[in-house]
Amino acid sequence: MEDHNQVVWISHKDGERCAGCAAELARGDFVQVHRENGIRCLNCVGLGGLVFLPSGGAALTRRSIDGSARHAVVVKFSRARKRNERQGVLVEESALAMARERCATDAVEREKACEKRRRRGLIADEDYRREFERRLLKLFPSCPAEEARTIAEHACRKHSGRVGRSAAAKEFAAKAIELAVRAHVRHVHTEYDDLMAQELDRFEARAEVRDGVERVLEKWRAPVTSADTAHS
């Protein structure tokens, strides 16, 4: 049975030789590295003749792997990030050709399905943002509506890594929502950004504006009165 979990690396340097056949290896060559067996070329590890398919097309990659009796994941070591990063796969040329034909045949259908998923995602994101905003106003009923919307949009922006995308926020935990509100108040209602521009330490800058942040939060936590409603 073939090993379907093989990994090969893209060589970083010239002048090395395969520990199996002594073939010279150049920068950019695909190699396998074993602690016991050293660096081996693709021929010596049974992967000779495979072609490289770069990352980027999920359907093409999946179908190429499914149709290939041999394949390997290709990684490259990033010196900047200090980790191996996936670059693509090695597959049999015939499997890649067949996968390309299949992808060409149902490209329109897959695009339609992708667009449906995208629309569903947008609807789900908007529902989440609205619920986040509703919960925020429940905790801070006197927060101006426009600012509540701004906070929710900023905190819940997809792939942002902000507090609104955290697991706690997705469960609408009060602490996570408060963190988002606190961050907004710090940036919008205090001189925090000016202090940071003066290269003040972040923790010192936060200490400087802490009282101002708390005053705004205390005001926003106050229940809305009938007088407030009539004035608005």
C-alpha atoms as a PDB file:
ATOM      1  CA  MET A   1       0.000   0.000   0.000  1.00  0.00           C
ATOM      2  CA  GLU A   2       1.319   3.458  -0.904  1.00  0.00           C
ATOM      3  CA  ASP A   3       2.068   5.983   1.818  1.00  0.00           C
ATOM      4  CA  HIS A   4      -0.509   8.727   1.319  1.00  0.00           C
ATOM      5  CA  ASN A   5       0.982  10.967   3.989  1.00  0.00           C
ATOM      6  CA  GLN A   6       4.412  11.592   2.527  1.00  0.00           C
ATOM      7  CA  VAL A   7       5.899  15.049   2.840  1.00  0.00           C
ATOM      8  CA  VAL A   8       8.638  16.545   0.686  1.00  0.00           C
ATOM      9  CA  TRP A   9      10.525  19.789   1.107  1.00  0.00           C
ATOM     10  CA  ILE A  10      11.718  22.383  -1.379  1.00  0.00           C
ATOM     11  CA  SER A  11      15.470  22.566  -1.021  1.00  0.00           C
ATOM     12  CA  HIS A  12      16.949  25.871   0.145  1.00  0.00           C
ATOM     13  CA  LYS A  13      20.461  25.400  -1.165  1.00  0.00           C
ATOM     14  CA  ASP A  14      22.682  24.103  -3.953  1.00  0.00           C
ATOM     15  CA  GLY A  15      25.438  21.520  -3.816  1.00  0.00           C
ATOM     16  CA  GLU A  16      23.846  18.806  -1.674  1.00  0.00           C
ATOM     17  CA  ARG A  17      23.728  15.206  -2.836  1.00  0.00           C
ATOM     18  CA  CYS A  18      21.123  12.515  -2.470  1.00  0.00           C
ATOM     19  CA  ALA A  19      22.147  10.052   0.237  1.00  0.00           C
ATOM     20  CA  GLY A  20      20.723   7.224  -1.866  1.00  0.00           C
ATOM     21  CA  CYS A  21      22.003   7.701  -5.421  1.00  0.00           C
ATOM     22  CA  ALA A  22      24.492  10.557  -4.947  1.00  0.00           C
ATOM     23  CA  ALA A  23      22.663  12.719  -7.510  1.00  0.00           C
ATOM     24  CA  GLU A  24      23.444  16.412  -7.113  1.00  0.00           C
ATOM     25  CA  LEU A  25      20.577  18.434  -5.668  1.00  0.00           C
ATOM     26  CA  ALA A  26      19.950  22.087  -6.451  1.00  0.00           C
ATOM     27  CA  ARG A  27      18.026  24.882  -4.782  1.00  0.00           C
ATOM     28  CA  GLY A  28      14.324  24.416  -5.558  1.00  0.00           C
ATOM     29  CA  ASP A  29      14.522  20.638  -5.954  1.00  0.00           C
ATOM     30  CA  PHE A  30      11.989  18.467  -4.141  1.00  0.00           C
ATOM     31  CA  VAL A  31      13.612  16.296  -1.471  1.00  0.00           C
ATOM     32  CA  GLN A  32      12.726  14.138   1.487  1.00  0.00           C
ATOM     33  CA  VAL A  33      14.684  14.560   4.678  1.00  0.00           C
ATOM     34  CA  HIS A  34      15.084  11.705   7.171  1.00  0.00           C
ATOM     35  CA  ARG A  35      17.079  11.825  10.355  1.00  0.00           C
ATOM     36  CA  GLU A  36      18.406   8.328   9.740  1.00  0.00           C
ATOM     37  CA  ASN A  37      18.567   8.229   5.920  1.00  0.00           C
ATOM     38  CA  GLY A  38      19.576  11.807   5.195  1.00  0.00           C
ATOM     39  CA  ILE A  39      18.399  13.805   2.172  1.00  0.00           C
ATOM     40  CA  ARG A  40      16.851  11.773  -0.635  1.00  0.00           C
ATOM     41  CA  CYS A  41      15.737  12.706  -4.128  1.00  0.00           C
ATOM     42  CA  LEU A  42      12.232  11.833  -5.328  1.00  0.00           C
ATOM     43  CA  ASN A  43      13.415   8.827  -7.345  1.00  0.00           C
ATOM     44  CA  CYS A  44      14.982   7.254  -4.272  1.00  0.00           C
ATOM     45  CA  VAL A  45      11.793   7.598  -2.200  1.00  0.00           C
ATOM     46  CA  GLY A  46       9.455   6.256  -4.881  1.00  0.00           C
ATOM     47  CA  LEU A  47       8.029   9.616  -5.919  1.00  0.00           C
ATOM     48  CA  GLY A  48       9.834  10.071  -9.219  1.00  0.00           C
ATOM     49  CA  GLY A  49       7.742  11.239 -12.176  1.00  0.00           C
ATOM     50  CA  LEU A  50       5.204  13.136 -10.099  1.00  0.00           C
ATOM     51  CA  VAL A  51       4.272  16.685 -11.108  1.00  0.00           C
ATOM     52  CA  PHE A  52       3.861  19.693  -8.854  1.00  0.00           C
ATOM     53  CA  LEU A  53       0.433  21.246  -8.302  1.00  0.00           C
ATOM     54  CA  PRO A  54       0.645  24.545  -6.384  1.00  0.00           C
ATOM     55  CA  SER A  55      -1.826  25.325  -3.602  1.00  0.00           C
ATOM     56  CA  GLY A  56      -4.819  27.474  -4.429  1.00  0.00           C
ATOM     57  CA  GLY A  57      -7.449  25.269  -6.037  1.00  0.00           C
ATOM     58  CA  ALA A  58      -9.158  23.105  -3.440  1.00  0.00           C
ATOM     59  CA  ALA A  59     -11.287  21.092  -5.881  1.00  0.00           C
ATOM     60  CA  LEU A  60      -8.408  20.501  -8.299  1.00  0.00           C
ATOM     61  CA  THR A  61      -6.085  19.435  -5.480  1.00  0.00           C
ATOM     62  CA  ARG A  62      -8.643  17.103  -3.926  1.00  0.00           C
ATOM     63  CA  ARG A  63      -9.499  15.432  -7.216  1.00  0.00           C
ATOM     64  CA  SER A  64      -5.857  15.104  -8.235  1.00  0.00           C
ATOM     65  CA  ILE A  65      -5.001  13.378  -4.963  1.00  0.00           C
ATOM     66  CA  ASP A  66      -8.050  11.110  -5.195  1.00  0.00           C
ATOM     67  CA  GLY A  67      -7.029   9.965  -8.678  1.00  0.00           C
ATOM     68  CA  SER A  68      -3.345   9.532  -7.940  1.00  0.00           C
ATOM     69  CA  ALA A  69      -1.895   6.269  -6.633  1.00  0.00           C
ATOM     70  CA  ARG A  70       1.076   8.237  -5.318  1.00  0.00           C
ATOM     71  CA  HIS A  71       1.169  11.739  -3.945  1.00  0.00           C
ATOM     72  CA  ALA A  72       3.037  13.868  -1.442  1.00  0.00           C
ATOM     73  CA  VAL A  73       2.468  17.170   0.305  1.00  0.00           C
ATOM     74  CA  VAL A  74       5.056  19.819  -0.574  1.00  0.00           C
ATOM     75  CA  VAL A  75       6.245  22.203   2.140  1.00  0.00           C
ATOM     76  CA  LYS A  76       8.899  24.877   2.367  1.00  0.00           C
ATOM     77  CA  PHE A  77      10.592  26.112   5.505  1.00  0.00           C
ATOM     78  CA  SER A  78       9.962  29.801   6.161  1.00  0.00           C
ATOM     79  CA  ARG A  79      12.949  31.358   7.878  1.00  0.00           C
ATOM     80  CA  ALA A  80      10.871  34.431   8.739  1.00  0.00           C
ATOM     81  CA  ARG A  81       8.081  32.461  10.434  1.00  0.00           C
ATOM     82  CA  LYS A  82      10.291  29.587  11.626  1.00  0.00           C
ATOM     83  CA  ARG A  83       7.894  26.940  10.354  1.00  0.00           C
ATOM     84  CA  ASN A  84       7.104  24.701   7.393  1.00  0.00           C
ATOM     85  CA  GLU A  85       4.445  26.137   5.109  1.00  0.00           C
ATOM     86  CA  ARG A  86       2.438  24.122   2.602  1.00  0.00           C
ATOM     87  CA  GLN A  87       3.177  24.958  -1.030  1.00  0.00           C
ATOM     88  CA  GLY A  88       1.126  22.346  -2.887  1.00  0.00           C
ATOM     89  CA  VAL A  89       1.210  18.645  -3.727  1.00  0.00           C
ATOM     90  CA  LEU A  90       3.002  16.224  -6.011  1.00  0.00           C
ATOM     91  CA  VAL A  91       0.622  14.007  -7.982  1.00  0.00           C
ATOM     92  CA  GLU A  92       0.642  11.743 -11.013  1.00  0.00           C
ATOM     93  CA  GLU A  93       0.396  13.671 -14.274  1.00  0.00           C
ATOM     94  CA  SER A  94      -2.508  11.564 -15.538  1.00  0.00           C
ATOM     95  CA  ALA A  95      -4.451  12.208 -12.327  1.00  0.00           C
ATOM     96  CA  LEU A  96      -3.867  15.946 -12.650  1.00  0.00           C
ATOM     97  CA  ALA A  97      -5.045  15.936 -16.271  1.00  0.00           C
ATOM     98  CA  MET A  98      -8.207  14.036 -15.349  1.00  0.00           C
ATOM     99  CA  ALA A  99      -8.861  16.359 -12.400  1.00  0.00           C
ATOM    100  CA  ARG A 100      -8.549  19.389 -14.651  1.00  0.00           C
ATOM    101  CA  GLU A 101     -11.097  17.929 -17.052  1.00  0.00           C
ATOM    102  CA  ARG A 102     -13.550  17.271 -14.226  1.00  0.00           C
ATOM    103  CA  CYS A 103     -13.060  20.764 -12.825  1.00  0.00           C
ATOM    104  CA  ALA A 104     -13.630  22.308 -16.243  1.00  0.00           C
ATOM    105  CA  THR A 105     -16.826  20.286 -16.678  1.00  0.00           C
ATOM    106  CA  ASP A 106     -18.502  21.383 -13.457  1.00  0.00           C
ATOM    107  CA  ALA A 107     -16.850  24.805 -12.995  1.00  0.00           C
ATOM    108  CA  VAL A 108     -20.147  26.670 -13.409  1.00  0.00           C
ATOM    109  CA  GLU A 109     -21.971  24.475 -10.896  1.00  0.00           C
ATOM    110  CA  ARG A 110     -19.150  24.799  -8.363  1.00  0.00           C
ATOM    111  CA  GLU A 111     -19.103  28.577  -8.793  1.00  0.00           C
ATOM    112  CA  LYS A 112     -22.858  28.713  -8.178  1.00  0.00           C
ATOM    113  CA  ALA A 113     -22.477  26.580  -5.051  1.00  0.00           C
ATOM    114  CA  CYS A 114     -19.619  28.802  -3.865  1.00  0.00           C
ATOM    115  CA  GLU A 115     -21.728  31.913  -4.384  1.00  0.00           C
ATOM    116  CA  LYS A 116     -24.599  30.358  -2.403  1.00  0.00           C
ATOM    117  CA  ARG A 117     -22.230  29.578   0.464  1.00  0.00           C
ATOM    118  CA  ARG A 118     -20.881  33.119   0.304  1.00  0.00           C
ATOM    119  CA  ARG A 119     -24.383  34.610   0.472  1.00  0.00           C
ATOM    120  CA  ARG A 120     -25.316  32.334   3.376  1.00  0.00           C
ATOM    121  CA  GLY A 121     -22.138  33.403   5.124  1.00  0.00           C
ATOM    122  CA  LEU A 122     -22.921  37.079   4.627  1.00  0.00           C
ATOM    123  CA  ILE A 123     -26.417  36.606   6.017  1.00  0.00           C
ATOM    124  CA  ALA A 124     -25.058  34.682   9.017  1.00  0.00           C
ATOM    125  CA  ASP A 125     -22.429  37.369   9.639  1.00  0.00           C
ATOM    126  CA  GLU A 126     -25.034  40.122   9.515  1.00  0.00           C
ATOM    127  CA  ASP A 127     -27.329  38.213  11.890  1.00  0.00           C
ATOM    128  CA  TYR A 128     -24.378  37.755  14.254  1.00  0.00           C
ATOM    129  CA  ARG A 129     -23.468  41.441  14.085  1.00  0.00           C
ATOM    130  CA  ARG A 130     -27.041  42.487  14.821  1.00  0.00           C
ATOM    131  CA  GLU A 131     -27.268  40.138  17.787  1.00  0.00           C
ATOM    132  CA  PHE A 132     -23.897  41.393  19.068  1.00  0.00           C
ATOM    133  CA  GLU A 133     -25.216  44.960  18.776  1.00  0.00           C
ATOM    134  CA  ARG A 134     -28.460  44.019  20.562  1.00  0.00           C
ATOM    135  CA  ARG A 135     -26.575  42.383  23.439  1.00  0.00           C
ATOM    136  CA  LEU A 136     -24.237  45.376  23.605  1.00  0.00           C
ATOM    137  CA  LEU A 137     -27.157  47.784  24.008  1.00  0.00           C
ATOM    138  CA  LYS A 138     -28.606  45.535  26.687  1.00  0.00           C
ATOM    139  CA  LEU A 139     -25.367  45.913  28.673  1.00  0.00           C
ATOM    140  CA  PHE A 140     -24.892  49.581  27.735  1.00  0.00           C
ATOM    141  CA  PRO A 141     -28.407  50.914  27.074  1.00  0.00           C
ATOM    142  CA  SER A 142     -27.270  54.541  26.877  1.00  0.00           C
ATOM    143  CA  CYS A 143     -24.616  53.877  24.259  1.00  0.00           C
ATOM    144  CA  PRO A 144     -25.531  55.966  21.187  1.00  0.00           C
ATOM    145  CA  ALA A 145     -27.066  53.724  18.531  1.00  0.00           C
ATOM    146  CA  GLU A 146     -24.615  54.849  15.848  1.00  0.00           C
ATOM    147  CA  GLU A 147     -21.645  54.011  18.065  1.00  0.00           C
ATOM    148  CA  ALA A 148     -23.139  50.656  19.033  1.00  0.00           C
ATOM    149  CA  ARG A 149     -23.372  49.741  15.368  1.00  0.00           C
ATOM    150  CA  THR A 150     -19.808  50.924  14.738  1.00  0.00           C
ATOM    151  CA  ILE A 151     -18.498  48.858  17.654  1.00  0.00           C
ATOM    152  CA  ALA A 152     -20.344  45.749  16.499  1.00  0.00           C
ATOM    153  CA  GLU A 153     -19.152  46.115  12.898  1.00  0.00           C
ATOM    154  CA  HIS A 154     -15.557  46.654  13.971  1.00  0.00           C
ATOM    155  CA  ALA A 155     -15.479  43.858  16.543  1.00  0.00           C
ATOM    156  CA  CYS A 156     -17.274  41.272  14.410  1.00  0.00           C
ATOM    157  CA  ARG A 157     -15.428  41.798  11.135  1.00  0.00           C
ATOM    158  CA  LYS A 158     -14.652  38.366   9.726  1.00  0.00           C
ATOM    159  CA  HIS A 159     -11.027  37.142   9.812  1.00  0.00           C
ATOM    160  CA  SER A 160     -10.063  40.254  11.777  1.00  0.00           C
ATOM    161  CA  GLY A 161      -8.899  38.369  14.859  1.00  0.00           C
ATOM    162  CA  ARG A 162     -10.701  40.964  16.962  1.00  0.00           C
ATOM    163  CA  VAL A 163     -12.544  40.209  20.174  1.00  0.00           C
ATOM    164  CA  GLY A 164     -15.864  39.933  18.342  1.00  0.00           C
ATOM    165  CA  ARG A 165     -14.590  36.855  16.506  1.00  0.00           C
ATOM    166  CA  SER A 166     -13.520  35.073  19.697  1.00  0.00           C
ATOM    167  CA  ALA A 167     -15.332  32.003  20.997  1.00  0.00           C
ATOM    168  CA  ALA A 168     -16.546  33.949  24.028  1.00  0.00           C
ATOM    169  CA  ALA A 169     -17.980  36.722  21.861  1.00  0.00           C
ATOM    170  CA  LYS A 170     -19.749  34.208  19.628  1.00  0.00           C
ATOM    171  CA  GLU A 171     -21.519  33.018  22.767  1.00  0.00           C
ATOM    172  CA  PHE A 172     -22.243  36.680  23.506  1.00  0.00           C
ATOM    173  CA  ALA A 173     -20.360  36.617  26.810  1.00  0.00           C
ATOM    174  CA  ALA A 174     -20.756  39.957  28.582  1.00  0.00           C
ATOM    175  CA  LYS A 175     -17.014  40.242  29.237  1.00  0.00           C
ATOM    176  CA  ALA A 176     -16.141  39.871  25.547  1.00  0.00           C
ATOM    177  CA  ILE A 177     -18.710  42.483  24.557  1.00  0.00           C
ATOM    178  CA  GLU A 178     -17.419  44.852  27.237  1.00  0.00           C
ATOM    179  CA  LEU A 179     -13.868  44.456  25.923  1.00  0.00           C
ATOM    180  CA  ALA A 180     -15.037  45.550  22.479  1.00  0.00           C
ATOM    181  CA  VAL A 181     -16.865  48.566  23.936  1.00  0.00           C
ATOM    182  CA  ARG A 182     -13.920  49.457  26.149  1.00  0.00           C
ATOM    183  CA  ALA A 183     -11.527  49.382  23.175  1.00  0.00           C
ATOM    184  CA  HIS A 184     -13.823  51.649  21.159  1.00  0.00           C
ATOM    185  CA  VAL A 185     -14.155  54.146  24.005  1.00  0.00           C
ATOM    186  CA  ARG A 186     -10.397  54.148  24.556  1.00  0.00           C
ATOM    187  CA  HIS A 187      -9.706  55.048  20.924  1.00  0.00           C
ATOM    188  CA  VAL A 188     -12.630  57.397  20.254  1.00  0.00           C
ATOM    189  CA  HIS A 189     -13.356  59.128  23.567  1.00  0.00           C
ATOM    190  CA  THR A 190      -9.885  59.562  25.086  1.00  0.00           C
ATOM    191  CA  GLU A 191      -6.457  60.822  24.053  1.00  0.00           C
ATOM    192  CA  TYR A 192      -5.128  57.244  23.911  1.00  0.00           C
ATOM    193  CA  ASP A 193      -4.160  57.383  20.217  1.00  0.00           C
ATOM    194  CA  ASP A 194      -2.317  60.676  20.742  1.00  0.00           C
ATOM    195  CA  LEU A 195      -0.384  59.158  23.638  1.00  0.00           C
ATOM    196  CA  MET A 196       0.542  56.154  21.511  1.00  0.00           C
ATOM    197  CA  ALA A 197       1.667  58.495  18.726  1.00  0.00           C
ATOM    198  CA  GLN A 198       4.056  60.017  21.266  1.00  0.00           C
ATOM    199  CA  GLU A 199       5.549  56.520  21.647  1.00  0.00           C
ATOM    200  CA  LEU A 200       4.251  56.118  25.170  1.00  0.00           C
ATOM    201  CA  ASP A 201       4.237  52.527  26.371  1.00  0.00           C
ATOM    202  CA  ARG A 202       0.872  50.875  25.676  1.00  0.00           C
ATOM    203  CA  PHE A 203       0.303  49.978  29.313  1.00  0.00           C
ATOM    204  CA  GLU A 204       1.222  53.477  30.453  1.00  0.00           C
ATOM    205  CA  ALA A 205      -1.097  54.981  27.860  1.00  0.00           C
ATOM    206  CA  ARG A 206      -3.957  52.774  29.028  1.00  0.00           C
ATOM    207  CA  ALA A 207      -3.312  53.766  32.634  1.00  0.00           C
ATOM    208  CA  GLU A 208      -3.442  57.447  31.633  1.00  0.00           C
ATOM    209  CA  VAL A 209      -6.891  57.129  30.041  1.00  0.00           C
ATOM    210  CA  ARG A 210      -8.400  54.527  32.365  1.00  0.00           C
ATOM    211  CA  ASP A 211     -10.490  57.022  34.366  1.00  0.00           C
ATOM    212  CA  GLY A 212     -11.830  58.601  31.191  1.00  0.00           C
ATOM    213  CA  VAL A 213     -12.831  55.199  29.827  1.00  0.00           C
ATOM    214  CA  GLU A 214     -14.616  54.294  33.051  1.00  0.00           C
ATOM    215  CA  ARG A 215     -16.572  57.552  33.044  1.00  0.00           C
ATOM    216  CA  VAL A 216     -17.907  56.873  29.555  1.00  0.00           C
ATOM    217  CA  LEU A 217     -18.743  53.254  30.385  1.00  0.00           C
ATOM    218  CA  GLU A 218     -20.568  54.312  33.549  1.00  0.00           C
ATOM    219  CA  LYS A 219     -22.599  56.796  31.519  1.00  0.00           C
ATOM    220  CA  TRP A 220     -23.447  54.190  28.889  1.00  0.00           C
ATOM    221  CA  ARG A 221     -24.468  51.623  31.504  1.00  0.00           C
ATOM    222  CA  ALA A 222     -27.149  53.957  32.824  1.00  0.00           C
ATOM    223  CA  PRO A 223     -30.687  52.966  31.803  1.00  0.00           C
ATOM    224  CA  VAL A 224     -32.411  55.067  29.182  1.00  0.00           C
ATOM    225  CA  THR A 225     -35.002  57.361  30.767  1.00  0.00           C
ATOM    226  CA  SER A 226     -38.216  58.639  29.269  1.00  0.00           C
ATOM    227  CA  ALA A 227     -36.627  62.093  29.130  1.00  0.00           C
ATOM    228  CA  ASP A 228     -33.783  60.706  27.059  1.00  0.00           C
ATOM    229  CA  THR A 229     -36.218  59.060  24.696  1.00  0.00           C
ATOM    230  CA  ALA A 230     -38.268  62.248  24.306  1.00  0.00           C
ATOM    231  CA  HIS A 231     -35.094  64.268  23.661  1.00  0.00           C
ATOM    232  CA  SER A 232     -33.905  61.851  20.966  1.00  0.00           C
END
